[in-house]
Amino acid sequence: MAKLIYSAIASLDEYVVDKNGKFDWAAPDEEVHAFVNDLEREIGTYLYGRRIYEVMTYWETQPAEGDDPMVMRDYGKIWREAEKIVFSRTLTMASTAKTRIENSFEPDAIAKLKGQSSRDLSVGGAELAGEAIKAGLVDEIHLFLHPIVIGGGRRALPDGTIVRLELLNERRFKSGVVHVHYRVKR
């Protein structure tokens, strides 16, 4: 059975975007980006909410050659090769290949997909991930904590939900970013 993994880049006070919806402070350097790429290679399907999907569509047309660093071109290739499912009540058509739109997030359908998938799934976007966490579907959580406190915005993890975690690994990067990897205890 495949795992459902939630990965998020967050401020030290656990926000993925600030009060104005900005996340420019979260751009990973090459060391962090290369680490993320290695984690993402195992993902067969991305589950997205509309907002994060619209941000991620950049990778569909990101040039394979050009001025972008190799880690970015590598990530673009990884992203384009994976399937994507976007949960949205407003989108009717996908703007990227290997993408389907679903009107609503159905926990039973995701549980079935996990059971049928040969590769892991990733849930992206704090709101959708919160739904998946509350439904008991998330198996692992990766947080990349940036050395910045932004004081408010959208939280990386849902309020009002208790989830017991087991620390599997941690890593500190030269930039001050800290990666923590947890398994959800059942």
C-alpha atoms as a PDB file:
ATOM      1  CA  MET A   1       0.000   0.000   0.000  1.00  0.00           C
ATOM      2  CA  ALA A   2       1.251   3.459  -0.881  1.00  0.00           C
ATOM      3  CA  LYS A   3       1.799   6.137   1.744  1.00  0.00           C
ATOM      4  CA  LEU A   4       0.180   9.569   1.699  1.00  0.00           C
ATOM      5  CA  ILE A   5       2.865  12.131   2.509  1.00  0.00           C
ATOM      6  CA  TYR A   6       2.417  15.781   3.428  1.00  0.00           C
ATOM      7  CA  SER A   7       5.418  18.029   2.829  1.00  0.00           C
ATOM      8  CA  ALA A   8       5.419  21.732   3.558  1.00  0.00           C
ATOM      9  CA  ILE A   9       7.852  24.601   3.644  1.00  0.00           C
ATOM     10  CA  ALA A  10       6.953  26.697   6.676  1.00  0.00           C
ATOM     11  CA  SER A  11       8.167  29.547   8.825  1.00  0.00           C
ATOM     12  CA  LEU A  12       9.446  28.686  12.287  1.00  0.00           C
ATOM     13  CA  ASP A  13       6.037  29.734  13.647  1.00  0.00           C
ATOM     14  CA  GLU A  14       4.512  27.186  11.251  1.00  0.00           C
ATOM     15  CA  TYR A  15       2.952  29.321   8.529  1.00  0.00           C
ATOM     16  CA  VAL A  16       3.124  28.397   4.840  1.00  0.00           C
ATOM     17  CA  VAL A  17       2.098  31.872   3.655  1.00  0.00           C
ATOM     18  CA  ASP A  18       2.055  35.219   5.427  1.00  0.00           C
ATOM     19  CA  LYS A  19      -0.984  37.413   6.183  1.00  0.00           C
ATOM     20  CA  ASN A  20      -0.884  38.742   2.589  1.00  0.00           C
ATOM     21  CA  GLY A  21      -0.652  35.297   0.982  1.00  0.00           C
ATOM     22  CA  LYS A  22       3.052  35.729   0.168  1.00  0.00           C
ATOM     23  CA  PHE A  23       5.648  33.004   0.528  1.00  0.00           C
ATOM     24  CA  ASP A  24       8.708  34.578  -1.126  1.00  0.00           C
ATOM     25  CA  TRP A  25      10.635  34.020   2.117  1.00  0.00           C
ATOM     26  CA  ALA A  26      10.276  30.252   1.550  1.00  0.00           C
ATOM     27  CA  ALA A  27      12.294  29.807  -1.653  1.00  0.00           C
ATOM     28  CA  PRO A  28      14.629  26.853  -1.064  1.00  0.00           C
ATOM     29  CA  ASP A  29      18.325  27.203  -1.838  1.00  0.00           C
ATOM     30  CA  GLU A  30      20.046  24.589  -4.018  1.00  0.00           C
ATOM     31  CA  GLU A  31      20.963  22.345  -1.067  1.00  0.00           C
ATOM     32  CA  VAL A  32      17.384  22.193   0.230  1.00  0.00           C
ATOM     33  CA  HIS A  33      15.968  21.926  -3.302  1.00  0.00           C
ATOM     34  CA  ALA A  34      18.182  18.920  -4.093  1.00  0.00           C
ATOM     35  CA  PHE A  35      17.043  17.231  -0.870  1.00  0.00           C
ATOM     36  CA  VAL A  36      13.387  17.890  -1.739  1.00  0.00           C
ATOM     37  CA  ASN A  37      13.956  16.479  -5.229  1.00  0.00           C
ATOM     38  CA  ASP A  38      15.246  13.224  -3.755  1.00  0.00           C
ATOM     39  CA  LEU A  39      12.123  12.949  -1.578  1.00  0.00           C
ATOM     40  CA  GLU A  40       9.820  13.748  -4.496  1.00  0.00           C
ATOM     41  CA  ARG A  41      11.279  11.094  -6.815  1.00  0.00           C
ATOM     42  CA  GLU A  42       9.210   8.480  -4.963  1.00  0.00           C
ATOM     43  CA  ILE A  43       5.902  10.290  -5.555  1.00  0.00           C
ATOM     44  CA  GLY A  44       3.591   8.877  -8.212  1.00  0.00           C
ATOM     45  CA  THR A  45       0.596  11.162  -7.635  1.00  0.00           C
ATOM     46  CA  TYR A  46       0.204  14.677  -6.254  1.00  0.00           C
ATOM     47  CA  LEU A  47      -3.067  15.681  -4.589  1.00  0.00           C
ATOM     48  CA  TYR A  48      -3.613  19.440  -4.703  1.00  0.00           C
ATOM     49  CA  GLY A  49      -6.101  22.085  -3.780  1.00  0.00           C
ATOM     50  CA  ARG A  50      -6.725  24.721  -6.450  1.00  0.00           C
ATOM     51  CA  ARG A  51      -4.459  27.437  -5.044  1.00  0.00           C
ATOM     52  CA  ILE A  52      -1.345  25.275  -4.684  1.00  0.00           C
ATOM     53  CA  TYR A  53      -2.041  23.668  -8.073  1.00  0.00           C
ATOM     54  CA  GLU A  54      -2.080  27.090  -9.732  1.00  0.00           C
ATOM     55  CA  VAL A  55       1.306  27.861  -8.149  1.00  0.00           C
ATOM     56  CA  MET A  56       2.718  24.486  -9.172  1.00  0.00           C
ATOM     57  CA  THR A  57       1.676  24.788 -12.833  1.00  0.00           C
ATOM     58  CA  TYR A  58       4.918  26.738 -13.333  1.00  0.00           C
ATOM     59  CA  TRP A  59       6.704  23.382 -13.476  1.00  0.00           C
ATOM     60  CA  GLU A  60       4.685  22.287 -16.522  1.00  0.00           C
ATOM     61  CA  THR A  61       6.408  24.813 -18.780  1.00  0.00           C
ATOM     62  CA  GLN A  62       9.661  25.265 -16.879  1.00  0.00           C
ATOM     63  CA  PRO A  63      12.359  24.844 -19.548  1.00  0.00           C
ATOM     64  CA  ALA A  64      14.452  21.670 -19.475  1.00  0.00           C
ATOM     65  CA  GLU A  65      17.373  23.775 -20.694  1.00  0.00           C
ATOM     66  CA  GLY A  66      18.182  27.344 -19.839  1.00  0.00           C
ATOM     67  CA  ASP A  67      19.281  29.564 -17.003  1.00  0.00           C
ATOM     68  CA  ASP A  68      17.501  27.782 -14.164  1.00  0.00           C
ATOM     69  CA  PRO A  69      19.789  25.814 -11.841  1.00  0.00           C
ATOM     70  CA  MET A  70      19.964  22.072 -12.460  1.00  0.00           C
ATOM     71  CA  VAL A  71      18.029  21.335  -9.237  1.00  0.00           C
ATOM     72  CA  MET A  72      15.079  23.310 -10.579  1.00  0.00           C
ATOM     73  CA  ARG A  73      15.167  21.602 -13.962  1.00  0.00           C
ATOM     74  CA  ASP A  74      15.375  18.251 -12.166  1.00  0.00           C
ATOM     75  CA  TYR A  75      12.332  19.088 -10.048  1.00  0.00           C
ATOM     76  CA  GLY A  76      10.400  20.157 -13.149  1.00  0.00           C
ATOM     77  CA  LYS A  77      11.047  16.754 -14.712  1.00  0.00           C
ATOM     78  CA  ILE A  78       9.967  14.934 -11.535  1.00  0.00           C
ATOM     79  CA  TRP A  79       6.774  17.011 -11.347  1.00  0.00           C
ATOM     80  CA  ARG A  80       5.835  16.567 -15.005  1.00  0.00           C
ATOM     81  CA  GLU A  81       6.226  12.771 -14.778  1.00  0.00           C
ATOM     82  CA  ALA A  82       3.809  12.420 -11.846  1.00  0.00           C
ATOM     83  CA  GLU A  83       0.022  12.205 -11.977  1.00  0.00           C
ATOM     84  CA  LYS A  84      -1.927  15.075 -10.414  1.00  0.00           C
ATOM     85  CA  ILE A  85      -5.406  15.211  -8.914  1.00  0.00           C
ATOM     86  CA  VAL A  86      -6.771  18.684  -8.199  1.00  0.00           C
ATOM     87  CA  PHE A  87      -9.702  19.144  -5.819  1.00  0.00           C
ATOM     88  CA  SER A  88     -11.608  22.247  -6.817  1.00  0.00           C
ATOM     89  CA  ARG A  89     -15.190  23.458  -7.000  1.00  0.00           C
ATOM     90  CA  THR A  90     -14.229  26.204  -9.467  1.00  0.00           C
ATOM     91  CA  LEU A  91     -11.797  24.602 -11.940  1.00  0.00           C
ATOM     92  CA  THR A  92     -13.417  22.651 -14.749  1.00  0.00           C
ATOM     93  CA  MET A  93     -10.356  21.880 -16.842  1.00  0.00           C
ATOM     94  CA  ALA A  94      -6.714  21.171 -16.029  1.00  0.00           C
ATOM     95  CA  SER A  95      -4.002  23.321 -17.550  1.00  0.00           C
ATOM     96  CA  THR A  96      -1.334  20.631 -17.187  1.00  0.00           C
ATOM     97  CA  ALA A  97      -0.785  17.123 -18.520  1.00  0.00           C
ATOM     98  CA  LYS A  98      -1.430  14.038 -16.393  1.00  0.00           C
ATOM     99  CA  THR A  99      -3.978  15.998 -14.360  1.00  0.00           C
ATOM    100  CA  ARG A 100      -7.605  15.404 -13.490  1.00  0.00           C
ATOM    101  CA  ILE A 101     -10.016  17.645 -11.628  1.00  0.00           C
ATOM    102  CA  GLU A 102     -12.270  16.357  -8.837  1.00  0.00           C
ATOM    103  CA  ASN A 103     -15.080  18.487  -7.373  1.00  0.00           C
ATOM    104  CA  SER A 104     -14.593  17.321  -3.819  1.00  0.00           C
ATOM    105  CA  PHE A 105     -12.144  15.571  -1.557  1.00  0.00           C
ATOM    106  CA  GLU A 106     -13.561  12.161  -0.694  1.00  0.00           C
ATOM    107  CA  PRO A 107     -11.554  10.385   2.040  1.00  0.00           C
ATOM    108  CA  ASP A 108     -12.838   6.932   1.036  1.00  0.00           C
ATOM    109  CA  ALA A 109     -11.690   7.469  -2.562  1.00  0.00           C
ATOM    110  CA  ILE A 110      -8.248   8.551  -1.370  1.00  0.00           C
ATOM    111  CA  ALA A 111      -7.979   5.520   0.919  1.00  0.00           C
ATOM    112  CA  LYS A 112      -8.850   3.308  -2.048  1.00  0.00           C
ATOM    113  CA  LEU A 113      -6.288   5.110  -4.232  1.00  0.00           C
ATOM    114  CA  LYS A 114      -3.606   4.530  -1.563  1.00  0.00           C
ATOM    115  CA  GLY A 115      -4.471   0.838  -1.551  1.00  0.00           C
ATOM    116  CA  GLN A 116      -4.216   0.567  -5.338  1.00  0.00           C
ATOM    117  CA  SER A 117      -1.115   2.707  -5.911  1.00  0.00           C
ATOM    118  CA  SER A 118       2.328   1.236  -6.368  1.00  0.00           C
ATOM    119  CA  ARG A 119       3.996   4.592  -5.671  1.00  0.00           C
ATOM    120  CA  ASP A 120       3.496   7.034  -2.816  1.00  0.00           C
ATOM    121  CA  LEU A 121       1.104   9.974  -2.974  1.00  0.00           C
ATOM    122  CA  SER A 122       1.736  13.511  -1.816  1.00  0.00           C
ATOM    123  CA  VAL A 123      -0.854  15.973  -0.568  1.00  0.00           C
ATOM    124  CA  GLY A 124      -0.053  19.617  -1.210  1.00  0.00           C
ATOM    125  CA  GLY A 125      -1.620  22.747   0.170  1.00  0.00           C
ATOM    126  CA  ALA A 126      -2.254  23.307   3.861  1.00  0.00           C
ATOM    127  CA  GLU A 127      -6.044  23.295   3.600  1.00  0.00           C
ATOM    128  CA  LEU A 128      -6.277  20.029   1.666  1.00  0.00           C
ATOM    129  CA  ALA A 129      -3.554  18.461   3.798  1.00  0.00           C
ATOM    130  CA  GLY A 130      -5.535  19.484   6.875  1.00  0.00           C
ATOM    131  CA  GLU A 131      -8.559  17.600   5.546  1.00  0.00           C
ATOM    132  CA  ALA A 132      -6.411  14.539   4.847  1.00  0.00           C
ATOM    133  CA  ILE A 133      -4.816  14.712   8.310  1.00  0.00           C
ATOM    134  CA  LYS A 134      -8.223  15.044  10.008  1.00  0.00           C
ATOM    135  CA  ALA A 135      -9.485  12.052   7.977  1.00  0.00           C
ATOM    136  CA  GLY A 136      -6.544   9.950   9.203  1.00  0.00           C
ATOM    137  CA  LEU A 137      -5.140   9.473   5.701  1.00  0.00           C
ATOM    138  CA  VAL A 138      -1.689  11.052   6.083  1.00  0.00           C
ATOM    139  CA  ASP A 139       1.071   8.566   6.909  1.00  0.00           C
ATOM    140  CA  GLU A 140       4.114  10.860   7.021  1.00  0.00           C
ATOM    141  CA  ILE A 141       4.794  14.569   7.459  1.00  0.00           C
ATOM    142  CA  HIS A 142       7.871  16.447   6.224  1.00  0.00           C
ATOM    143  CA  LEU A 143       8.268  20.021   7.435  1.00  0.00           C
ATOM    144  CA  PHE A 144      10.998  22.337   6.183  1.00  0.00           C
ATOM    145  CA  LEU A 145      11.179  25.041   8.841  1.00  0.00           C
ATOM    146  CA  HIS A 146      12.729  28.300   7.654  1.00  0.00           C
ATOM    147  CA  PRO A 147      14.583  30.566  10.064  1.00  0.00           C
ATOM    148  CA  ILE A 148      11.954  33.291   9.993  1.00  0.00           C
ATOM    149  CA  VAL A 149       8.960  34.211  12.146  1.00  0.00           C
ATOM    150  CA  ILE A 150       6.176  35.832  10.100  1.00  0.00           C
ATOM    151  CA  GLY A 151       3.548  36.273  12.794  1.00  0.00           C
ATOM    152  CA  GLY A 152       0.469  35.030  10.958  1.00  0.00           C
ATOM    153  CA  GLY A 153      -1.024  33.703   7.770  1.00  0.00           C
ATOM    154  CA  ARG A 154      -2.077  30.181   6.771  1.00  0.00           C
ATOM    155  CA  ARG A 155      -0.877  27.486   9.146  1.00  0.00           C
ATOM    156  CA  ALA A 156       0.930  24.391   7.863  1.00  0.00           C
ATOM    157  CA  LEU A 157      -0.979  22.043  10.177  1.00  0.00           C
ATOM    158  CA  PRO A 158      -4.671  22.053  11.097  1.00  0.00           C
ATOM    159  CA  ASP A 159      -5.928  23.495  14.351  1.00  0.00           C
ATOM    160  CA  GLY A 160      -8.138  21.390  16.572  1.00  0.00           C
ATOM    161  CA  THR A 161      -6.688  18.025  15.575  1.00  0.00           C
ATOM    162  CA  ILE A 162      -4.486  15.852  17.749  1.00  0.00           C
ATOM    163  CA  VAL A 163      -2.089  13.634  15.807  1.00  0.00           C
ATOM    164  CA  ARG A 164       0.616  11.654  17.545  1.00  0.00           C
ATOM    165  CA  LEU A 165       3.872  11.552  15.628  1.00  0.00           C
ATOM    166  CA  GLU A 166       7.090   9.565  15.703  1.00  0.00           C
ATOM    167  CA  LEU A 167      10.237  11.421  14.653  1.00  0.00           C
ATOM    168  CA  LEU A 168      11.979   9.467  11.901  1.00  0.00           C
ATOM    169  CA  ASN A 169      14.691  11.909  10.895  1.00  0.00           C
ATOM    170  CA  GLU A 170      15.876  15.482  11.023  1.00  0.00           C
ATOM    171  CA  ARG A 171      18.438  17.488   9.112  1.00  0.00           C
ATOM    172  CA  ARG A 172      19.844  20.969   9.406  1.00  0.00           C
ATOM    173  CA  PHE A 173      20.926  22.823   6.257  1.00  0.00           C
ATOM    174  CA  LYS A 174      23.583  25.521   5.865  1.00  0.00           C
ATOM    175  CA  SER A 175      20.836  28.106   5.246  1.00  0.00           C
ATOM    176  CA  GLY A 176      19.366  27.465   8.702  1.00  0.00           C
ATOM    177  CA  VAL A 177      16.420  25.482   7.327  1.00  0.00           C
ATOM    178  CA  VAL A 178      15.593  22.448   9.453  1.00  0.00           C
ATOM    179  CA  HIS A 179      13.844  19.404   7.992  1.00  0.00           C
ATOM    180  CA  VAL A 180      11.811  17.194  10.329  1.00  0.00           C
ATOM    181  CA  HIS A 181      10.313  13.924   9.127  1.00  0.00           C
ATOM    182  CA  TYR A 182       7.556  12.262  11.144  1.00  0.00           C
ATOM    183  CA  ARG A 183       5.479   9.122  10.846  1.00  0.00           C
ATOM    184  CA  VAL A 184       1.864   9.374  11.991  1.00  0.00           C
ATOM    185  CA  LYS A 185       1.263   6.948  14.866  1.00  0.00           C
ATOM    186  CA  ARG A 186      -1.910   4.919  14.448  1.00  0.00           C
END
